[in-house]
Protein backbone atom coordinates (compact mmCIF):
# COMPACT_ATOMS: atom_id res chain seq x y z
CA MET A 1 53.83 25.28 -11.85
CA HIS A 2 52.82 27.60 -14.62
CA ALA A 3 53.56 26.08 -18.03
CA SER A 4 55.61 29.05 -19.28
CA ARG A 5 57.78 29.05 -16.15
CA ARG A 6 58.29 25.29 -16.40
CA ALA A 7 59.38 25.72 -20.02
CA ALA A 8 61.80 28.49 -19.06
CA LEU A 9 63.36 26.32 -16.35
CA LEU A 10 63.71 23.41 -18.76
CA ILE A 11 65.42 25.67 -21.30
CA ALA A 12 67.77 27.04 -18.62
CA ALA A 13 68.62 23.54 -17.44
CA ALA A 14 69.26 22.39 -20.99
CA SER A 15 71.52 25.38 -21.54
CA LEU A 16 73.57 24.54 -18.44
CA VAL A 17 73.94 20.94 -19.60
CA THR A 18 74.99 22.15 -23.06
CA VAL A 19 77.59 24.55 -21.61
CA ALA A 20 78.96 21.87 -19.27
CA ALA A 21 79.17 19.34 -22.10
CA PHE A 22 80.84 21.91 -24.34
CA ALA A 23 83.39 22.75 -21.65
CA GLN A 24 84.19 19.08 -21.06
CA GLY A 25 84.93 18.60 -24.75
CA TRP A 26 86.88 21.85 -25.09
CA PRO A 27 89.27 22.30 -26.80
CA ALA A 28 88.30 20.05 -29.66
CA ARG A 29 90.37 22.01 -32.20
CA PRO A 30 93.32 24.45 -32.21
CA VAL A 31 92.92 27.65 -30.18
CA ARG A 32 93.91 30.91 -31.85
CA LEU A 33 96.00 33.07 -29.51
CA VAL A 34 96.24 36.61 -30.87
CA VAL A 35 99.34 38.72 -30.24
CA PRO A 36 98.40 42.35 -30.99
CA PHE A 37 102.00 43.30 -31.79
CA PRO A 38 104.64 42.27 -34.35
CA ALA A 39 106.72 39.13 -33.95
CA GLY A 40 109.92 39.50 -31.96
CA GLY A 41 108.67 41.94 -29.33
CA GLY A 42 108.23 41.26 -25.62
CA THR A 43 104.54 40.33 -25.89
CA ASP A 44 105.25 37.89 -28.73
CA ILE A 45 108.14 36.22 -26.89
CA ILE A 46 106.13 35.69 -23.70
CA THR A 47 103.10 34.45 -25.64
CA ARG A 48 105.07 31.83 -27.55
CA GLU A 49 106.80 30.54 -24.42
CA LEU A 50 103.44 30.23 -22.67
CA ALA A 51 101.75 28.60 -25.67
CA ASN A 52 104.50 26.00 -25.86
CA LYS A 53 104.23 25.11 -22.17
CA VAL A 54 100.42 25.09 -21.94
CA GLY A 55 100.39 23.00 -25.10
CA HIS A 56 101.62 20.09 -23.00
CA ALA A 57 98.23 20.15 -21.21
CA GLY A 58 96.44 19.08 -24.37
CA TYR A 59 96.01 22.38 -26.17
CA THR A 60 97.15 23.30 -29.63
CA PHE A 61 97.72 27.05 -29.71
CA VAL A 62 98.14 28.87 -33.00
CA VAL A 63 99.88 32.18 -32.29
CA ASP A 64 98.51 34.88 -34.60
CA ASN A 65 100.40 38.18 -34.76
CA LYS A 66 97.89 40.91 -35.58
CA PRO A 67 99.63 44.27 -35.00
CA GLY A 68 98.30 47.74 -35.65
CA SER A 69 96.85 50.81 -33.96
CA GLY A 70 98.82 50.42 -30.73
CA GLY A 71 97.57 46.87 -30.24
CA ASN A 72 93.93 47.82 -30.76
CA LEU A 73 93.41 45.78 -33.93
CA GLY A 74 94.40 42.49 -32.36
CA VAL A 75 92.47 43.05 -29.13
CA ASP A 76 89.40 44.15 -31.09
CA ALA A 77 89.57 41.02 -33.26
CA ALA A 78 89.54 38.86 -30.15
CA ALA A 79 86.78 40.89 -28.49
CA LYS A 80 84.52 40.44 -31.52
CA ALA A 81 85.24 36.71 -31.97
CA PRO A 82 82.65 34.09 -30.97
CA ALA A 83 82.66 33.44 -27.23
CA ASP A 84 83.51 29.76 -27.67
CA GLY A 85 87.04 29.70 -26.27
CA TYR A 86 88.73 29.26 -29.64
CA THR A 87 90.00 32.85 -29.92
CA LEU A 88 92.03 34.39 -27.11
CA VAL A 89 94.38 37.35 -26.89
CA MET A 90 97.52 38.23 -24.98
CA GLY A 91 96.64 41.67 -23.69
CA GLN A 92 98.99 43.97 -21.86
CA THR A 93 99.16 47.30 -20.12
CA SER A 94 99.18 49.48 -23.24
CA ASN A 95 96.09 48.14 -25.00
CA LEU A 96 94.02 47.40 -21.89
CA ALA A 97 94.94 50.13 -19.39
CA ILE A 98 96.41 53.02 -21.40
CA ASN A 99 94.55 53.05 -24.72
CA PRO A 100 91.10 53.67 -23.14
CA THR A 101 92.30 57.17 -22.23
CA LEU A 102 94.82 57.68 -25.01
CA TYR A 103 92.43 57.07 -27.92
CA SER A 104 89.40 59.28 -28.43
CA LYS A 105 87.58 56.31 -29.97
CA LEU A 106 88.44 52.77 -28.93
CA PRO A 107 86.66 49.93 -30.80
CA TYR A 108 86.36 47.85 -27.62
CA ASP A 109 85.80 48.38 -23.91
CA PRO A 110 88.37 46.39 -21.89
CA LEU A 111 85.96 46.12 -18.95
CA LYS A 112 82.87 45.06 -20.93
CA ASP A 113 83.98 43.36 -24.14
CA LEU A 114 86.60 40.95 -22.78
CA THR A 115 86.78 38.11 -20.26
CA PRO A 116 89.97 38.24 -18.14
CA ILE A 117 91.36 34.73 -17.72
CA SER A 118 94.76 35.03 -16.06
CA LEU A 119 97.69 37.34 -15.60
CA VAL A 120 100.83 35.70 -16.99
CA ALA A 121 103.87 37.87 -16.38
CA SER A 122 105.13 41.34 -15.61
CA ALA A 123 108.30 43.04 -16.75
CA PRO A 124 110.03 46.32 -15.99
CA LEU A 125 111.29 48.58 -18.72
CA VAL A 126 114.93 49.29 -19.44
CA ILE A 127 116.62 52.38 -20.83
CA VAL A 128 119.44 51.46 -23.18
CA ALA A 129 121.96 53.16 -25.45
CA SER A 130 124.27 51.74 -28.09
CA ALA A 131 127.47 50.15 -26.88
CA GLN A 132 129.43 53.06 -28.40
CA SER A 133 127.28 55.76 -26.80
CA PRO A 134 128.89 58.36 -24.51
CA TYR A 135 125.98 57.87 -22.09
CA LYS A 136 126.93 55.34 -19.46
CA THR A 137 124.63 56.35 -16.60
CA LEU A 138 121.29 58.05 -16.10
CA ALA A 139 123.19 61.01 -14.67
CA ASP A 140 125.01 61.35 -18.02
CA VAL A 141 121.67 61.53 -19.85
CA VAL A 142 120.21 64.05 -17.43
CA ALA A 143 123.28 66.29 -17.55
CA ALA A 144 123.40 66.27 -21.36
CA SER A 145 119.70 66.97 -21.63
CA ARG A 146 119.83 69.87 -19.20
CA ALA A 147 122.74 71.35 -21.10
CA ASN A 148 120.89 71.08 -24.42
CA PRO A 149 117.16 70.36 -23.94
CA GLY A 150 115.59 68.20 -26.64
CA SER A 151 118.91 67.18 -28.18
CA ILE A 152 118.66 63.56 -27.00
CA ASN A 153 116.25 61.29 -28.88
CA TYR A 154 114.67 58.19 -27.43
CA ALA A 155 112.81 55.45 -29.27
CA SER A 156 109.74 53.55 -28.13
CA SER A 157 107.35 51.11 -29.74
CA GLY A 158 104.74 53.81 -30.26
CA ASN A 159 102.82 56.79 -28.92
CA GLY A 160 101.04 56.10 -25.67
CA THR A 161 102.82 52.85 -24.90
CA VAL A 162 104.04 52.09 -21.39
CA ALA A 163 107.56 52.94 -22.52
CA HIS A 164 106.51 56.31 -23.93
CA LEU A 165 104.53 57.31 -20.83
CA ALA A 166 107.19 56.00 -18.44
CA ALA A 167 109.76 58.15 -20.26
CA GLU A 168 107.43 61.15 -20.10
CA SER A 169 106.97 60.59 -16.36
CA PHE A 170 110.72 60.39 -15.86
CA GLN A 171 111.30 63.61 -17.78
CA LYS A 172 108.81 65.32 -15.49
CA VAL A 173 110.48 64.20 -12.24
CA ALA A 174 113.99 64.82 -13.61
CA GLY A 175 113.14 68.23 -15.08
CA ILE A 176 114.54 67.42 -18.53
CA LYS A 177 113.33 67.37 -22.13
CA LEU A 178 113.96 64.42 -24.47
CA THR A 179 112.68 64.03 -28.04
CA HIS A 180 110.39 61.04 -28.56
CA ILE A 181 110.66 58.94 -31.73
CA PRO A 182 107.82 56.38 -31.89
CA TYR A 183 108.29 53.25 -33.98
CA LYS A 184 105.65 50.80 -35.23
CA GLY A 185 106.55 47.85 -33.05
CA ALA A 186 109.12 47.23 -30.37
CA SER A 187 111.82 45.71 -32.56
CA GLN A 188 111.95 48.19 -35.45
CA GLY A 189 113.95 50.88 -33.65
CA VAL A 190 116.69 48.50 -32.55
CA THR A 191 118.86 48.98 -35.66
CA ASP A 192 118.71 52.78 -35.38
CA VAL A 193 119.71 52.72 -31.72
CA ILE A 194 122.55 50.22 -32.19
CA SER A 195 123.89 52.34 -35.07
CA GLY A 196 123.66 55.49 -32.96
CA GLN A 197 121.09 57.28 -35.14
CA VAL A 198 118.82 57.35 -32.10
CA GLN A 199 120.49 57.83 -28.73
CA LEU A 200 118.23 55.86 -26.38
CA TYR A 201 115.62 53.12 -26.44
CA VAL A 202 112.98 52.61 -23.75
CA SER A 203 111.23 49.23 -23.90
CA SER A 204 110.37 46.12 -21.92
CA ILE A 205 113.34 43.99 -20.93
CA PRO A 206 112.13 40.92 -22.90
CA THR A 207 112.35 42.99 -26.08
CA LEU A 208 115.92 44.20 -25.59
CA ILE A 209 117.68 41.71 -23.35
CA GLY A 210 119.12 39.71 -26.25
CA HIS A 211 120.82 42.82 -27.59
CA ILE A 212 122.03 43.71 -24.10
CA LYS A 213 123.55 40.27 -23.56
CA SER A 214 125.20 40.35 -26.99
CA GLY A 215 126.92 43.60 -26.03
CA LYS A 216 125.26 45.68 -28.77
CA MET A 217 123.27 47.73 -26.29
CA ARG A 218 124.30 49.25 -22.97
CA PRO A 219 121.66 49.21 -20.22
CA ILE A 220 121.50 52.45 -18.26
CA ALA A 221 118.61 51.96 -15.82
CA VAL A 222 115.54 49.80 -15.16
CA THR A 223 112.13 51.11 -14.13
CA SER A 224 111.26 48.52 -11.49
CA ALA A 225 111.31 49.19 -7.75
CA ARG A 226 114.21 46.75 -7.31
CA ARG A 227 117.03 45.56 -9.53
CA VAL A 228 116.30 42.83 -12.06
CA ASP A 229 117.85 39.45 -11.30
CA ASP A 230 118.98 38.96 -14.88
CA LEU A 231 120.58 42.44 -15.00
CA PRO A 232 121.91 42.79 -11.44
CA GLN A 233 124.50 45.39 -12.40
CA VAL A 234 121.90 47.82 -13.77
CA PRO A 235 120.57 50.36 -11.23
CA THR A 236 116.92 51.32 -10.93
CA ILE A 237 115.73 54.83 -11.71
CA ALA A 238 114.65 55.10 -8.07
CA GLU A 239 118.14 54.40 -6.73
CA SER A 240 119.64 56.72 -9.34
CA GLY A 241 118.21 59.68 -7.45
CA TYR A 242 114.48 59.56 -8.24
CA LYS A 243 112.98 57.90 -5.18
CA GLY A 244 109.66 56.13 -5.66
CA PHE A 245 109.82 55.93 -9.45
CA GLU A 246 108.39 52.68 -10.81
CA ALA A 247 106.80 51.58 -14.09
CA VAL A 248 106.21 48.00 -15.22
CA THR A 249 104.19 46.37 -17.95
CA TRP A 250 102.12 43.23 -17.49
CA PHE A 251 100.79 40.55 -19.83
CA GLY A 252 97.66 38.42 -19.50
CA VAL A 253 95.30 36.16 -21.44
CA LEU A 254 91.73 37.21 -22.18
CA GLY A 255 88.87 36.07 -24.38
CA PRO A 256 85.67 37.64 -25.69
CA ALA A 257 82.97 38.65 -23.20
CA ASN A 258 80.69 35.92 -21.88
CA LEU A 259 83.10 33.01 -22.21
CA PRO A 260 81.64 29.89 -20.55
CA LYS A 261 82.73 29.85 -16.90
CA GLU A 262 83.92 26.26 -17.20
CA VAL A 263 86.26 27.21 -20.06
CA VAL A 264 87.59 30.21 -18.12
CA ALA A 265 88.20 28.01 -15.06
CA LYS A 266 90.01 25.34 -17.10
CA LEU A 267 92.20 27.88 -18.89
CA ASN A 268 93.00 29.71 -15.66
CA ALA A 269 94.02 26.50 -13.92
CA ASP A 270 96.18 25.31 -16.82
CA ILE A 271 97.86 28.70 -17.34
CA ASN A 272 98.66 29.06 -13.65
CA LYS A 273 100.02 25.52 -13.56
CA ALA A 274 102.21 26.25 -16.60
CA ILE A 275 103.73 29.44 -15.18
CA GLN A 276 104.63 27.65 -11.96
CA ASP A 277 106.80 25.27 -13.96
CA PRO A 278 110.47 26.04 -13.19
CA GLU A 279 111.42 25.67 -16.84
CA LEU A 280 108.96 28.33 -18.01
CA ALA A 281 109.79 30.59 -15.06
CA LYS A 282 113.47 30.38 -16.03
CA LYS A 283 112.76 31.08 -19.70
CA LEU A 284 110.71 34.15 -18.84
CA GLY A 285 113.29 35.15 -16.24
CA ASP A 286 116.00 34.92 -18.89
CA GLN A 287 113.92 37.44 -20.85
CA GLY A 288 113.70 39.78 -17.85
CA ALA A 289 110.09 38.94 -17.02
CA ASP A 290 108.59 37.60 -13.79
CA VAL A 291 105.77 35.06 -13.84
CA ALA A 292 102.63 36.44 -12.23
CA GLY A 293 99.56 34.24 -12.11
CA SER A 294 96.14 35.33 -10.87
CA THR A 295 92.49 34.47 -10.63
CA PRO A 296 90.17 35.95 -13.29
CA ASP A 297 88.78 38.38 -10.68
CA GLN A 298 92.26 39.53 -9.63
CA PHE A 299 93.19 40.16 -13.27
CA ALA A 300 89.95 42.10 -13.84
CA ARG A 301 90.67 44.25 -10.78
CA LEU A 302 94.22 44.97 -12.00
CA ILE A 303 92.89 46.16 -15.37
CA ARG A 304 90.31 48.39 -13.71
CA ASP A 305 92.83 49.91 -11.27
CA ASP A 306 95.46 50.48 -13.96
CA ILE A 307 92.98 52.20 -16.29
CA ALA A 308 92.60 54.82 -13.54
CA ARG A 309 96.34 54.98 -12.78
CA TRP A 310 97.63 55.21 -16.34
CA GLY A 311 94.70 57.37 -17.41
CA LYS A 312 95.93 60.06 -15.05
CA ILE A 313 99.45 59.84 -16.51
CA VAL A 314 98.08 60.03 -20.07
CA LYS A 315 96.13 63.18 -19.22
CA GLU A 316 99.12 64.79 -17.51
CA SER A 317 101.35 64.01 -20.50
CA GLY A 318 98.90 65.54 -22.95
CA ALA A 319 99.20 62.48 -25.21
CA ARG A 320 96.16 61.89 -27.41
CA ILE A 321 95.42 59.85 -30.53
CA ASP A 322 92.31 60.59 -32.57
């Protein structure tokens, strides 16, 4: 065998041994799990519940809220971290599937700069009003909007989020015009909606379910194809007269590109084991979310397919952030 080829094979073999040894000893220190949104929102709640459960498998997760730029700052920080398994991120539909079309310049490429590890959960959105609001049904909102287009405001956690685009899609099928008020983070518009300064809030159920259960907010409709187990009295948009309407947001764990395969496999197995635990499933269910595990390849395919799906909606809405 030629000397240079023999040397190359020896280097490759040594690298494989090093990677395997690294994976066997991983994690040897706390793992940073970035949440690209403020504390208290749906992504943060799901991340902390998962981190607590997976922690029983020998991990120490440090949840790091790094909000900003529609989730881009946190995802970018994870994408640019060393590919050693010690920095991960809880990505979701907005920053992985919507932002590639919404933003003219994105600092990361979801398909090239990240390693999908596992899908964790999915959650429909809910349209709510304050408990004192005159709007009790979706028909009430539609009638009021048609009578006075643009007079009804709705809050979301920001331009181009799933909530914003789902509301834009609904306006299109219903033939109405609402006024969008974007907030910086899912929880910051809650006070304004409860007080009646803003008429409606569109957000993921995990973000708002506590306020719904306390009686401060009145749920009007959910965006899933079927009713939500934790809110069985709340009709879907589809059954409210808009057949086929559906919009959900999903959450999943990723790391930087080129994570060692052994680390990805270990994380995937431990995450999927955790979300099958009845206790975690109940906690997420209580927040209006459904557990949804996957293989890394299945998660990668979901991201790719949803970039195409939501990209079309972004273009139709005319939303754009430079």
